[in-house]
Amino acid sequence: MAEGDDSSQEKTEEPSARRLEKAREEGQIPRSRDLTTTAVLLLAAIGLWVFAEFMGGKLLGITRENFIISRTDIFDTNAMISHLVRAIYQGMLSMAPLMVLLLIASIVGPIALGGWLMSSKAMMPKLSRMDPIAGLKRIFSLKSLIELFKALLKVSIILLTTIWLLFLYAQDMFRISDEAVGNAIVHSLEISIYATIALAATTIVIAAVDIPLQLYEHNKKLKMSRQDLKDEAKDTDGKPEVKGRIRQLQREMAQRRMMANVPMADVVITNPTHFAVALKYDPETMDTPIMLAKGGDNIALKIREIAKAHNIETIESPPLARAIYYTTEIDQAIPSGLYLAVAQVLAYVFQLRNYRKGKGQKPQYPRNITLPKDMQFDE
């Protein structure tokens, strides 16, 4: 018994939809910081490439304006402040397109994995986090050590890439100081673009490993035991709104199945507007006629429309339609008290088919159909 109890408590089952929904409400969704970093670097590289000419022109203008200052302005505090303010404004203007792209990347990056989420529960302070003993346990836990190792590995990879870039562009960076201002700005932007692309490529590799790992860890964290699934099913199924929704879905499914059977009917008997019932009878395989579909008002109208679309004969007989509607369920045989009345209708339908094929005479429409008293129903 103990072994059975232990196995039911092992979290081996995939999280249910309700478990995932509840976790999301609490702010527990998969996130990858490396994905955000990659998005920022990629858009930074694209921004530098697209806006290089604009940024270079602005920076060149700032440099020229502030390298050519009159002797009078140098000793005028207000004039120098004015130069400084213009330089800052022009510098911010030159960087504005790139900053907008980086802002977009910092928003889109986290949303790309896990989606958009604003959870009030996640923002609420938790007293358990203020427990120093629990905090020390978290710091020195195996999970924290693994996270530390991963962080050091990521930093090492990025650091090695940065060192490689420094060695690669060392001579170019030294030559920049000897170039004209315009050429120096262009050269600096080129180095920035290629360096950003190289760093983005590095973070893409890191993110490609980190994203599946985050998804796996998130799924593992939310896994449930068999007992958890049973308890959740009890809690969920016991709610009136859930039961009501289940019943509604069952009714809708049953109605769809019923409508799908209407094209197989031999005849549809109508009220003519309030009720409609679809019957099928195969003398070779059936002892008695079977009701395939029934409905009132809108459903009755739908049954008539399907019957018309599939060239199924429709007979108006209000008493018989009501009798079958009230006494027979879907996929059940009609009661014995209606055999004679239904036989008259089916005989007319089968004879009409033969007549249309050029066999026999045109049958008379069944108008005076009599029913037993216990089969007579009012609307």
Foldseek 3Di string as FASTA:
>chain_A
DVVVVVQLFDQPAFFDPVLVVVCQLLVQFFFDVLLLVLLLLVLLLVQLVVLVVVLLVLVVVLVVVVVDDDPVLVPPPVSVVVNVVVSVVSNCVSCVVSVVSNVVSNVVRGCVGGHDGDHPNNVDDDVVCVDVVVVVCVCPDPVNVVVVVLVVVLVVLLVVLVVVLCVVCVVVVVCLVVDDSSVSSSSVSVSVSVSSVSSSVSSVVVVVVVRVVSVVVSRVVSGGGNVVVVVVCVVQCPDPVSVVVVVVVVVVVVLVQLLVCLLVFQEWEPLPAFKIWGWHDDPVPDPAIFTSDMGTHPSSVSSVVSCVVNVHYYAYDNFLRQLCRVQHDHRDGGDPQCRVLVVVVSVLSVVCVCVVVVHDDRDDRPDDRDGPPVSGDDD
